Amino acid sequence: MSFTFSRRILLRTTALGTVGLGGITVLSACGNTSQNSAERSSYKGKAKLDSYDTSAGTYELASREHPARNVPKPVKPNNMNDNSVAGLYSTIAFFAAALQYRLITGDAQYLKEVKLEHTVDSIEEITNGSTWLSNPTVTIELTTDQPEQKDNEYFWPAKLTLTKGDWAVAQHRAINVPENEQKVTSEGKIKAKYTDGAWAIRDIAD
């Protein structure tokens, strides 16, 4: 399963000509801007970002009348560009948070802080004033304690989950999402390489 397959999942999640939209979960907020830089024996589990900027005000979930307001902004961890497993973990966690922010707001500014071999460019129509998702979530679960290393590349088995919820708004019209389309998952290995002072997420492959 390749990263392009994951992009197809993203397209299925955000294609507003269908009902495959939505999602609902509240982002957690944290005032600390530093991710734990100490190496751990196990990183298995959900890749979690420690810090969000909540200065815009109280986060308000999207309703059928308006898109989400005051969405917490992901804060780049201090150790994200470290040439270490902790740095790679922080990059993955920030990527998941930035992608979720992109899905909620349509704003790609934080995704641009992650080096990606393939750009995520399929969400232009979200939050244009008439179209938005209820509150999508993005989760990357690392399924092993540590990544595999082969030469100068790392491979980390992972599961990508996009939850979608039961409704979305398209052109000011609320639409229901069938239960069997409310969650999409993709499993494979995150392929990453440290280059030019940062981690590059190059692929997700078998």
N, C-alpha and C. Protein backbone atom coordinates (compact mmCIF):
# COMPACT_ATOMS: atom_id res chain seq x y z
N MET A 1 0.85 -1.18 0.00
CA MET A 1 0.00 0.00 0.00
C MET A 1 0.89 1.23 0.00
N SER A 2 0.70 2.12 -0.93
CA SER A 2 1.57 3.25 -1.11
C SER A 2 0.95 4.53 -0.56
N PHE A 3 1.76 5.59 -0.51
CA PHE A 3 1.27 6.87 -0.06
C PHE A 3 0.19 7.40 -1.00
N THR A 4 0.29 7.06 -2.30
CA THR A 4 -0.74 7.51 -3.23
C THR A 4 -2.07 6.88 -2.86
N PHE A 5 -2.05 5.64 -2.31
CA PHE A 5 -3.29 5.04 -1.84
C PHE A 5 -3.86 5.84 -0.69
N SER A 6 -2.98 6.30 0.21
CA SER A 6 -3.44 7.14 1.31
C SER A 6 -4.03 8.44 0.79
N ARG A 7 -3.49 8.98 -0.28
CA ARG A 7 -4.04 10.18 -0.87
C ARG A 7 -5.42 9.90 -1.46
N ARG A 8 -5.63 8.71 -2.00
CA ARG A 8 -6.96 8.36 -2.49
C ARG A 8 -7.94 8.29 -1.33
N ILE A 9 -7.48 7.79 -0.18
CA ILE A 9 -8.32 7.80 1.01
C ILE A 9 -8.68 9.23 1.38
N LEU A 10 -7.70 10.13 1.30
CA LEU A 10 -7.96 11.52 1.60
C LEU A 10 -8.98 12.10 0.63
N LEU A 11 -8.86 11.76 -0.63
CA LEU A 11 -9.83 12.23 -1.61
C LEU A 11 -11.22 11.71 -1.29
N ARG A 12 -11.31 10.45 -0.88
CA ARG A 12 -12.62 9.89 -0.51
C ARG A 12 -13.19 10.62 0.70
N THR A 13 -12.31 11.06 1.58
CA THR A 13 -12.76 11.74 2.78
C THR A 13 -13.28 13.14 2.47
N THR A 14 -12.71 13.77 1.44
CA THR A 14 -13.01 15.19 1.22
C THR A 14 -13.74 15.46 -0.08
N ALA A 15 -14.09 14.45 -0.83
CA ALA A 15 -14.78 14.68 -2.09
C ALA A 15 -16.21 15.13 -1.81
N LEU A 16 -16.49 16.40 -2.07
CA LEU A 16 -17.76 16.96 -1.66
C LEU A 16 -18.88 16.62 -2.62
N GLY A 17 -18.58 15.95 -3.70
CA GLY A 17 -19.64 15.49 -4.57
C GLY A 17 -20.27 14.21 -4.05
N THR A 18 -19.71 13.62 -2.98
CA THR A 18 -20.25 12.41 -2.39
C THR A 18 -20.59 12.69 -0.95
N VAL A 19 -21.03 11.66 -0.24
CA VAL A 19 -21.34 11.83 1.18
C VAL A 19 -20.21 11.33 2.05
N GLY A 20 -19.06 11.03 1.50
CA GLY A 20 -17.95 10.52 2.31
C GLY A 20 -17.22 11.62 3.02
N LEU A 21 -17.89 12.29 3.96
CA LEU A 21 -17.35 13.47 4.61
C LEU A 21 -17.58 13.43 6.11
N GLY A 22 -16.95 14.36 6.82
CA GLY A 22 -17.33 14.61 8.21
C GLY A 22 -16.30 14.20 9.21
N GLY A 23 -16.77 13.84 10.42
CA GLY A 23 -15.90 13.43 11.51
C GLY A 23 -16.14 14.30 12.72
N ILE A 24 -15.97 13.76 13.91
CA ILE A 24 -16.21 14.57 15.10
C ILE A 24 -15.32 14.13 16.25
N THR A 25 -14.53 15.06 16.74
CA THR A 25 -13.69 14.87 17.92
C THR A 25 -13.12 16.22 18.29
N VAL A 26 -12.95 16.49 19.55
CA VAL A 26 -12.43 17.77 19.99
C VAL A 26 -10.91 17.68 20.11
N LEU A 27 -10.20 18.63 19.51
CA LEU A 27 -8.76 18.69 19.64
C LEU A 27 -8.38 19.05 21.07
N SER A 28 -7.37 18.41 21.59
CA SER A 28 -6.88 18.80 22.91
C SER A 28 -5.94 19.98 22.75
N ALA A 29 -5.94 20.86 23.73
CA ALA A 29 -5.07 22.03 23.69
C ALA A 29 -4.01 21.92 24.77
N CYS A 30 -2.84 22.46 24.47
CA CYS A 30 -1.75 22.40 25.44
C CYS A 30 -0.89 23.63 25.25
N GLY A 31 -0.48 24.25 26.34
CA GLY A 31 0.26 25.48 26.23
C GLY A 31 1.76 25.31 26.09
N ASN A 32 2.27 24.12 26.27
CA ASN A 32 3.70 23.88 26.20
C ASN A 32 4.13 23.64 24.77
N THR A 33 5.20 24.31 24.32
CA THR A 33 5.63 24.19 22.93
C THR A 33 6.74 23.17 22.74
N SER A 34 7.15 22.47 23.79
CA SER A 34 8.26 21.54 23.66
C SER A 34 7.78 20.10 23.73
N GLN A 35 8.11 19.34 22.69
CA GLN A 35 7.84 17.91 22.70
C GLN A 35 8.97 17.24 23.48
N ASN A 36 8.67 16.15 24.16
CA ASN A 36 9.70 15.45 24.92
C ASN A 36 10.80 14.99 23.98
N SER A 37 12.02 15.50 24.17
CA SER A 37 13.13 15.19 23.27
C SER A 37 13.90 13.95 23.70
N ALA A 38 13.62 13.42 24.88
CA ALA A 38 14.34 12.25 25.36
C ALA A 38 13.93 11.01 24.56
N GLU A 39 14.91 10.18 24.24
CA GLU A 39 14.62 8.95 23.52
C GLU A 39 13.87 7.99 24.45
N ARG A 40 12.91 7.26 23.89
CA ARG A 40 12.13 6.30 24.66
C ARG A 40 12.39 4.92 24.10
N SER A 41 12.18 3.91 24.92
CA SER A 41 12.34 2.54 24.44
C SER A 41 11.17 2.13 23.57
N SER A 42 10.01 2.76 23.78
CA SER A 42 8.83 2.42 22.99
C SER A 42 8.03 3.66 22.62
N TYR A 43 7.74 3.78 21.34
CA TYR A 43 6.88 4.85 20.83
C TYR A 43 5.57 4.27 20.30
N LYS A 44 5.32 3.02 20.59
CA LYS A 44 4.14 2.35 20.06
C LYS A 44 2.87 3.03 20.55
N GLY A 45 1.91 3.17 19.65
CA GLY A 45 0.65 3.81 19.98
C GLY A 45 0.40 5.04 19.14
N LYS A 46 -0.62 5.81 19.50
CA LYS A 46 -0.98 7.00 18.74
C LYS A 46 0.12 8.05 18.84
N ALA A 47 0.52 8.59 17.69
CA ALA A 47 1.50 9.67 17.67
C ALA A 47 0.81 10.96 18.11
N LYS A 48 1.21 11.48 19.26
CA LYS A 48 0.50 12.61 19.86
C LYS A 48 1.36 13.86 19.86
N LEU A 49 0.77 14.96 19.44
CA LEU A 49 1.43 16.26 19.52
C LEU A 49 1.14 16.87 20.89
N ASP A 50 2.18 17.41 21.52
CA ASP A 50 2.02 17.93 22.88
C ASP A 50 1.36 19.30 22.93
N SER A 51 1.53 20.11 21.89
CA SER A 51 1.20 21.52 22.04
C SER A 51 0.36 22.07 20.89
N TYR A 52 -0.65 22.86 21.27
CA TYR A 52 -1.48 23.60 20.32
C TYR A 52 -1.60 25.05 20.77
N ASP A 53 -1.67 25.96 19.83
CA ASP A 53 -1.89 27.37 20.10
C ASP A 53 -3.40 27.60 20.18
N THR A 54 -3.88 27.95 21.37
CA THR A 54 -5.31 28.17 21.59
C THR A 54 -5.63 29.65 21.81
N SER A 55 -4.71 30.53 21.39
CA SER A 55 -4.87 31.96 21.68
C SER A 55 -6.05 32.59 20.94
N ALA A 56 -6.57 31.93 19.91
CA ALA A 56 -7.68 32.51 19.14
C ALA A 56 -8.97 32.55 19.96
N GLY A 57 -9.05 31.72 21.00
CA GLY A 57 -10.25 31.69 21.82
C GLY A 57 -10.76 30.27 21.99
N THR A 58 -11.93 30.16 22.55
CA THR A 58 -12.52 28.85 22.82
C THR A 58 -12.89 28.15 21.53
N TYR A 59 -12.43 26.92 21.41
CA TYR A 59 -12.70 26.13 20.21
C TYR A 59 -14.19 25.81 20.14
N GLU A 60 -14.76 26.06 18.99
CA GLU A 60 -16.18 25.81 18.77
C GLU A 60 -16.35 24.84 17.61
N LEU A 61 -16.94 23.69 17.87
CA LEU A 61 -17.15 22.71 16.82
C LEU A 61 -18.00 23.27 15.69
N ALA A 62 -17.81 22.72 14.51
CA ALA A 62 -18.66 23.09 13.39
C ALA A 62 -20.11 22.70 13.67
N SER A 63 -21.01 23.49 13.13
CA SER A 63 -22.43 23.15 13.17
C SER A 63 -22.94 23.14 11.74
N ARG A 64 -24.18 22.83 11.57
CA ARG A 64 -24.76 22.86 10.23
C ARG A 64 -24.93 24.29 9.72
N GLU A 65 -24.72 25.27 10.60
CA GLU A 65 -24.85 26.68 10.22
C GLU A 65 -23.50 27.34 9.95
N HIS A 66 -22.42 26.82 10.54
CA HIS A 66 -21.12 27.47 10.35
C HIS A 66 -20.00 26.45 10.53
N PRO A 67 -18.82 26.70 9.90
CA PRO A 67 -17.67 25.82 10.12
C PRO A 67 -17.09 26.01 11.51
N ALA A 68 -16.14 25.16 11.87
CA ALA A 68 -15.50 25.26 13.18
C ALA A 68 -14.85 26.63 13.35
N ARG A 69 -14.85 27.10 14.60
CA ARG A 69 -14.26 28.40 14.90
C ARG A 69 -13.15 28.25 15.94
N ASN A 70 -12.15 29.13 15.82
CA ASN A 70 -11.03 29.17 16.78
C ASN A 70 -10.36 27.81 16.91
N VAL A 71 -10.09 27.19 15.78
CA VAL A 71 -9.48 25.86 15.78
C VAL A 71 -8.06 25.95 16.34
N PRO A 72 -7.72 25.14 17.35
CA PRO A 72 -6.35 25.14 17.89
C PRO A 72 -5.33 24.86 16.78
N LYS A 73 -4.24 25.62 16.80
CA LYS A 73 -3.22 25.50 15.77
C LYS A 73 -2.07 24.63 16.27
N PRO A 74 -1.66 23.63 15.48
CA PRO A 74 -0.55 22.78 15.92
C PRO A 74 0.75 23.58 16.03
N VAL A 75 1.48 23.33 17.10
CA VAL A 75 2.76 24.00 17.33
C VAL A 75 3.89 23.03 17.03
N LYS A 76 4.80 23.46 16.19
CA LYS A 76 5.93 22.61 15.78
C LYS A 76 6.81 22.29 16.98
N PRO A 77 7.05 21.00 17.27
CA PRO A 77 7.90 20.64 18.40
C PRO A 77 9.34 21.11 18.22
N ASN A 78 9.98 21.47 19.32
CA ASN A 78 11.35 21.94 19.26
C ASN A 78 12.31 20.89 18.70
N ASN A 79 11.99 19.61 18.93
CA ASN A 79 12.91 18.54 18.52
C ASN A 79 12.54 17.93 17.17
N MET A 80 11.60 18.54 16.45
CA MET A 80 11.10 17.92 15.23
C MET A 80 12.19 17.72 14.17
N ASN A 81 13.16 18.60 14.14
CA ASN A 81 14.21 18.49 13.13
C ASN A 81 15.47 17.81 13.65
N ASP A 82 15.39 17.20 14.85
CA ASP A 82 16.53 16.45 15.37
C ASP A 82 16.72 15.16 14.58
N ASN A 83 17.96 14.81 14.37
CA ASN A 83 18.28 13.55 13.68
C ASN A 83 18.27 12.43 14.72
N SER A 84 17.05 12.03 15.11
CA SER A 84 16.86 11.02 16.15
C SER A 84 15.50 10.39 15.95
N VAL A 85 15.28 9.26 16.62
CA VAL A 85 13.96 8.63 16.56
C VAL A 85 12.92 9.54 17.19
N ALA A 86 13.30 10.25 18.25
CA ALA A 86 12.38 11.19 18.87
C ALA A 86 11.99 12.29 17.89
N GLY A 87 12.95 12.75 17.09
CA GLY A 87 12.65 13.76 16.08
C GLY A 87 11.71 13.25 15.01
N LEU A 88 11.91 12.00 14.58
CA LEU A 88 11.02 11.40 13.60
C LEU A 88 9.62 11.24 14.17
N TYR A 89 9.53 10.78 15.41
CA TYR A 89 8.21 10.65 16.07
C TYR A 89 7.49 12.00 16.10
N SER A 90 8.21 13.06 16.48
CA SER A 90 7.59 14.38 16.54
C SER A 90 7.14 14.85 15.17
N THR A 91 7.91 14.51 14.14
CA THR A 91 7.51 14.87 12.77
C THR A 91 6.22 14.18 12.38
N ILE A 92 6.10 12.90 12.72
CA ILE A 92 4.88 12.16 12.41
C ILE A 92 3.69 12.73 13.17
N ALA A 93 3.89 13.02 14.45
CA ALA A 93 2.81 13.58 15.27
C ALA A 93 2.37 14.94 14.74
N PHE A 94 3.33 15.77 14.36
CA PHE A 94 2.99 17.09 13.84
C PHE A 94 2.29 16.97 12.49
N PHE A 95 2.73 16.04 11.66
CA PHE A 95 2.09 15.82 10.37
C PHE A 95 0.62 15.45 10.55
N ALA A 96 0.33 14.53 11.48
CA ALA A 96 -1.06 14.14 11.72
C ALA A 96 -1.90 15.33 12.17
N ALA A 97 -1.35 16.14 13.08
CA ALA A 97 -2.08 17.31 13.58
C ALA A 97 -2.27 18.35 12.49
N ALA A 98 -1.24 18.55 11.66
CA ALA A 98 -1.33 19.54 10.59
C ALA A 98 -2.33 19.11 9.53
N LEU A 99 -2.37 17.81 9.24
CA LEU A 99 -3.34 17.32 8.27
C LEU A 99 -4.76 17.45 8.81
N GLN A 100 -4.94 17.18 10.10
CA GLN A 100 -6.26 17.36 10.70
C GLN A 100 -6.68 18.83 10.64
N TYR A 101 -5.75 19.72 10.94
CA TYR A 101 -6.05 21.16 10.86
C TYR A 101 -6.44 21.55 9.44
N ARG A 102 -5.74 20.98 8.48
CA ARG A 102 -6.05 21.25 7.06
C ARG A 102 -7.46 20.78 6.71
N LEU A 103 -7.83 19.61 7.20
CA LEU A 103 -9.16 19.08 6.90
C LEU A 103 -10.26 19.91 7.55
N ILE A 104 -9.98 20.44 8.74
CA ILE A 104 -10.99 21.23 9.44
C ILE A 104 -11.13 22.62 8.83
N THR A 105 -10.00 23.25 8.52
CA THR A 105 -10.02 24.67 8.14
C THR A 105 -9.78 24.92 6.66
N GLY A 106 -9.17 23.97 5.96
CA GLY A 106 -8.75 24.22 4.58
C GLY A 106 -7.41 24.91 4.49
N ASP A 107 -6.77 25.21 5.62
CA ASP A 107 -5.52 25.96 5.67
C ASP A 107 -4.34 24.98 5.71
N ALA A 108 -3.44 25.10 4.73
CA ALA A 108 -2.31 24.16 4.61
C ALA A 108 -1.01 24.70 5.17
N GLN A 109 -1.03 25.83 5.88
CA GLN A 109 0.23 26.45 6.29
C GLN A 109 1.08 25.54 7.17
N TYR A 110 0.45 24.73 8.01
CA TYR A 110 1.24 23.87 8.90
C TYR A 110 1.73 22.62 8.18
N LEU A 111 0.96 22.13 7.23
CA LEU A 111 1.45 21.02 6.42
C LEU A 111 2.72 21.40 5.66
N LYS A 112 2.83 22.67 5.31
CA LYS A 112 4.00 23.12 4.57
C LYS A 112 5.27 23.09 5.43
N GLU A 113 5.11 22.94 6.74
CA GLU A 113 6.27 22.83 7.62
C GLU A 113 6.80 21.40 7.70
N VAL A 114 6.12 20.47 7.04
CA VAL A 114 6.55 19.08 6.99
C VAL A 114 7.06 18.78 5.58
N LYS A 115 8.23 18.16 5.50
CA LYS A 115 8.76 17.79 4.19
C LYS A 115 8.06 16.53 3.72
N LEU A 116 7.28 16.67 2.65
CA LEU A 116 6.53 15.54 2.09
C LEU A 116 6.97 15.31 0.65
N GLU A 117 7.14 14.03 0.31
CA GLU A 117 7.48 13.70 -1.07
C GLU A 117 6.31 13.99 -2.00
N HIS A 118 5.08 13.78 -1.46
CA HIS A 118 3.87 14.07 -2.22
C HIS A 118 3.08 15.12 -1.46
N THR A 119 2.61 16.13 -2.16
CA THR A 119 1.83 17.16 -1.50
C THR A 119 0.39 16.71 -1.31
N VAL A 120 -0.24 17.25 -0.28
CA VAL A 120 -1.66 16.99 -0.02
C VAL A 120 -2.42 18.18 -0.60
N ASP A 121 -2.96 18.00 -1.79
CA ASP A 121 -3.49 19.15 -2.53
C ASP A 121 -4.94 18.94 -2.95
N SER A 122 -5.66 18.11 -2.20
CA SER A 122 -6.99 17.71 -2.65
C SER A 122 -8.12 18.30 -1.83
N ILE A 123 -7.84 19.39 -1.09
CA ILE A 123 -8.84 19.86 -0.14
C ILE A 123 -9.17 21.33 -0.38
N GLU A 124 -8.95 21.81 -1.59
CA GLU A 124 -9.11 23.23 -1.87
C GLU A 124 -10.53 23.73 -1.63
N GLU A 125 -11.52 22.83 -1.77
CA GLU A 125 -12.89 23.30 -1.70
C GLU A 125 -13.44 23.41 -0.27
N ILE A 126 -12.67 22.96 0.72
CA ILE A 126 -13.16 22.99 2.09
C ILE A 126 -13.14 24.41 2.65
N THR A 127 -14.11 24.72 3.47
CA THR A 127 -14.25 25.99 4.18
C THR A 127 -14.11 27.20 3.26
N ASN A 128 -14.84 27.19 2.18
CA ASN A 128 -14.89 28.36 1.30
C ASN A 128 -16.07 29.26 1.63
N GLY A 129 -16.67 29.03 2.80
CA GLY A 129 -17.81 29.81 3.22
C GLY A 129 -19.12 29.10 3.01
N SER A 130 -19.13 28.09 2.15
CA SER A 130 -20.36 27.36 1.89
C SER A 130 -20.19 25.85 2.05
N THR A 131 -18.93 25.41 2.26
CA THR A 131 -18.64 23.99 2.32
C THR A 131 -17.68 23.72 3.47
N TRP A 132 -18.01 22.77 4.35
CA TRP A 132 -17.10 22.41 5.43
C TRP A 132 -17.44 21.03 5.96
N LEU A 133 -16.49 20.47 6.67
CA LEU A 133 -16.65 19.18 7.33
C LEU A 133 -17.06 19.41 8.78
N SER A 134 -17.73 18.43 9.37
CA SER A 134 -18.20 18.61 10.74
C SER A 134 -17.05 18.76 11.72
N ASN A 135 -16.07 17.89 11.68
CA ASN A 135 -14.86 18.00 12.49
C ASN A 135 -14.04 16.73 12.31
N PRO A 136 -13.36 16.59 11.19
CA PRO A 136 -12.63 15.36 10.91
C PRO A 136 -11.45 15.16 11.85
N THR A 137 -11.06 13.92 12.05
CA THR A 137 -9.88 13.60 12.86
C THR A 137 -8.91 12.76 12.06
N VAL A 138 -7.65 12.94 12.34
CA VAL A 138 -6.59 12.16 11.71
C VAL A 138 -5.76 11.53 12.81
N THR A 139 -5.60 10.23 12.76
CA THR A 139 -4.81 9.51 13.76
C THR A 139 -3.77 8.65 13.05
N ILE A 140 -2.53 8.74 13.49
CA ILE A 140 -1.49 7.83 13.04
C ILE A 140 -1.06 7.00 14.24
N GLU A 141 -1.32 5.72 14.16
CA GLU A 141 -0.95 4.80 15.24
C GLU A 141 0.29 4.02 14.82
N LEU A 142 1.36 4.17 15.56
CA LEU A 142 2.59 3.42 15.30
C LEU A 142 2.44 2.04 15.92
N THR A 143 2.67 1.01 15.15
CA THR A 143 2.34 -0.34 15.61
C THR A 143 3.56 -1.14 16.08
N THR A 144 4.73 -0.51 16.10
CA THR A 144 5.92 -1.13 16.69
C THR A 144 6.60 -0.12 17.62
N ASP A 145 7.43 -0.63 18.52
CA ASP A 145 8.10 0.23 19.49
C ASP A 145 9.04 1.22 18.82
N GLN A 146 9.75 0.76 17.81
CA GLN A 146 10.77 1.55 17.14
C GLN A 146 10.66 1.34 15.62
N PRO A 147 11.15 2.28 14.83
CA PRO A 147 11.18 2.07 13.39
C PRO A 147 12.29 1.10 13.00
N GLU A 148 12.17 0.54 11.82
CA GLU A 148 13.23 -0.28 11.24
C GLU A 148 14.18 0.65 10.48
N GLN A 149 15.47 0.38 10.57
CA GLN A 149 16.44 1.18 9.84
C GLN A 149 17.14 0.34 8.80
N LYS A 150 17.16 0.83 7.56
CA LYS A 150 17.88 0.19 6.47
C LYS A 150 18.72 1.26 5.79
N ASP A 151 20.02 1.13 5.96
CA ASP A 151 20.95 2.16 5.49
C ASP A 151 20.57 3.49 6.13
N ASN A 152 20.24 4.50 5.32
CA ASN A 152 19.91 5.81 5.90
C ASN A 152 18.42 6.11 5.82
N GLU A 153 17.59 5.08 5.65
CA GLU A 153 16.15 5.25 5.62
C GLU A 153 15.51 4.49 6.78
N TYR A 154 14.37 5.01 7.21
CA TYR A 154 13.63 4.40 8.31
C TYR A 154 12.25 3.98 7.83
N PHE A 155 11.77 2.86 8.35
CA PHE A 155 10.47 2.33 8.00
C PHE A 155 9.71 2.06 9.30
N TRP A 156 8.56 2.72 9.44
CA TRP A 156 7.82 2.57 10.69
C TRP A 156 6.41 2.05 10.41
N PRO A 157 6.11 0.80 10.78
CA PRO A 157 4.76 0.27 10.57
C PRO A 157 3.72 1.14 11.28
N ALA A 158 2.64 1.47 10.58
CA ALA A 158 1.67 2.41 11.13
C ALA A 158 0.29 2.18 10.53
N LYS A 159 -0.69 2.70 11.21
CA LYS A 159 -2.08 2.67 10.76
C LYS A 159 -2.61 4.10 10.74
N LEU A 160 -3.06 4.54 9.57
CA LEU A 160 -3.64 5.86 9.41
C LEU A 160 -5.16 5.74 9.43
N THR A 161 -5.80 6.51 10.31
CA THR A 161 -7.26 6.48 10.42
C THR A 161 -7.81 7.88 10.27
N LEU A 162 -8.78 8.04 9.36
CA LEU A 162 -9.53 9.28 9.23
C LEU A 162 -10.97 8.98 9.61
N THR A 163 -11.42 9.57 10.71
CA THR A 163 -12.82 9.41 11.11
C THR A 163 -13.61 10.58 10.56
N LYS A 164 -14.86 10.31 10.21
CA LYS A 164 -15.60 11.30 9.42
C LYS A 164 -16.92 11.76 10.01
N GLY A 165 -17.61 10.97 10.80
CA GLY A 165 -18.84 11.45 11.38
C GLY A 165 -20.06 11.23 10.50
N ASP A 166 -21.18 11.81 10.90
CA ASP A 166 -22.43 11.46 10.24
C ASP A 166 -23.03 12.56 9.38
N TRP A 167 -22.32 13.72 9.26
CA TRP A 167 -22.84 14.77 8.40
C TRP A 167 -21.73 15.68 7.93
N ALA A 168 -22.03 16.44 6.88
CA ALA A 168 -21.16 17.49 6.38
C ALA A 168 -22.05 18.53 5.72
N VAL A 169 -21.46 19.67 5.38
CA VAL A 169 -22.20 20.72 4.69
C VAL A 169 -21.51 20.98 3.35
N ALA A 170 -22.27 20.92 2.28
CA ALA A 170 -21.76 21.19 0.94
C ALA A 170 -22.67 22.21 0.28
N GLN A 171 -22.08 23.34 -0.10
CA GLN A 171 -22.86 24.42 -0.73
C GLN A 171 -24.08 24.79 0.12
N HIS A 172 -23.81 24.97 1.40
CA HIS A 172 -24.83 25.39 2.38
C HIS A 172 -25.89 24.33 2.64
N ARG A 173 -25.66 23.11 2.21
CA ARG A 173 -26.66 22.06 2.39
C ARG A 173 -26.06 20.93 3.21
N ALA A 174 -26.70 20.60 4.35
CA ALA A 174 -26.22 19.49 5.19
C ALA A 174 -26.56 18.17 4.51
N ILE A 175 -25.58 17.27 4.51
CA ILE A 175 -25.79 15.95 3.94
C ILE A 175 -25.39 14.90 4.96
N ASN A 176 -26.06 13.78 4.96
CA ASN A 176 -25.75 12.69 5.89
C ASN A 176 -24.71 11.75 5.28
N VAL A 177 -23.90 11.19 6.16
CA VAL A 177 -22.87 10.25 5.74
C VAL A 177 -23.28 8.85 6.20
N PRO A 178 -23.37 7.89 5.29
CA PRO A 178 -23.72 6.53 5.70
C PRO A 178 -22.74 5.99 6.73
N GLU A 179 -23.23 5.19 7.64
CA GLU A 179 -22.40 4.68 8.73
C GLU A 179 -21.16 3.95 8.22
N ASN A 180 -21.30 3.22 7.12
CA ASN A 180 -20.16 2.45 6.62
C ASN A 180 -19.13 3.31 5.90
N GLU A 181 -19.35 4.62 5.81
CA GLU A 181 -18.39 5.52 5.19
C GLU A 181 -17.83 6.53 6.17
N GLN A 182 -18.09 6.33 7.45
CA GLN A 182 -17.70 7.32 8.44
C GLN A 182 -16.27 7.17 8.94
N LYS A 183 -15.60 6.11 8.56
CA LYS A 183 -14.19 5.94 8.95
C LYS A 183 -13.45 5.24 7.84
N VAL A 184 -12.24 5.73 7.56
CA VAL A 184 -11.39 5.13 6.54
C VAL A 184 -10.03 4.85 7.17
N THR A 185 -9.47 3.68 6.92
CA THR A 185 -8.17 3.32 7.48
C THR A 185 -7.22 2.86 6.39
N SER A 186 -5.95 3.01 6.66
CA SER A 186 -4.90 2.58 5.74
C SER A 186 -3.72 2.10 6.58
N GLU A 187 -3.16 0.96 6.24
CA GLU A 187 -2.04 0.41 6.99
C GLU A 187 -0.84 0.18 6.08
N GLY A 188 0.34 0.40 6.62
CA GLY A 188 1.57 0.20 5.86
C GLY A 188 2.75 0.63 6.69
N LYS A 189 3.83 1.07 6.02
CA LYS A 189 5.02 1.54 6.71
C LYS A 189 5.32 2.96 6.28
N ILE A 190 5.48 3.84 7.26
CA ILE A 190 5.93 5.19 6.97
C ILE A 190 7.41 5.11 6.60
N LYS A 191 7.74 5.61 5.44
CA LYS A 191 9.12 5.64 4.97
C LYS A 191 9.65 7.05 5.15
N ALA A 192 10.75 7.21 5.88
CA ALA A 192 11.28 8.54 6.17
C ALA A 192 12.79 8.55 6.03
N LYS A 193 13.30 9.73 5.75
CA LYS A 193 14.74 9.91 5.60
C LYS A 193 15.12 11.28 6.14
N TYR A 194 16.23 11.32 6.88
CA TYR A 194 16.70 12.60 7.40
C TYR A 194 17.60 13.24 6.35
N THR A 195 17.19 14.41 5.89
CA THR A 195 17.94 15.07 4.82
C THR A 195 17.82 16.57 4.96
N ASP A 196 18.92 17.26 4.74
CA ASP A 196 18.96 18.73 4.78
C ASP A 196 18.39 19.28 6.09
N GLY A 197 18.73 18.62 7.19
CA GLY A 197 18.37 19.14 8.50
C GLY A 197 16.95 18.91 8.94
N ALA A 198 16.24 17.98 8.29
CA ALA A 198 14.85 17.71 8.68
C ALA A 198 14.46 16.31 8.21
N TRP A 199 13.41 15.79 8.84
CA TRP A 199 12.86 14.51 8.42
C TRP A 199 11.92 14.70 7.23
N ALA A 200 12.12 13.89 6.21
CA ALA A 200 11.24 13.90 5.05
C ALA A 200 10.40 12.63 5.07
N ILE A 201 9.07 12.79 5.08
CA ILE A 201 8.18 11.64 4.96
C ILE A 201 8.05 11.36 3.47
N ARG A 202 8.67 10.26 3.05
CA ARG A 202 8.82 10.01 1.63
C ARG A 202 7.73 9.11 1.06
N ASP A 203 7.15 8.26 1.88
CA ASP A 203 6.22 7.29 1.35
C ASP A 203 5.55 6.55 2.49
N ILE A 204 4.48 5.84 2.16
CA ILE A 204 3.93 4.82 3.04
C ILE A 204 3.79 3.59 2.18
N ALA A 205 4.56 2.56 2.50
CA ALA A 205 4.63 1.40 1.61
C ALA A 205 4.57 0.11 2.40
N ASP A 206 4.25 -0.99 1.70
CA ASP A 206 4.24 -2.30 2.33
C ASP A 206 5.64 -2.69 2.73
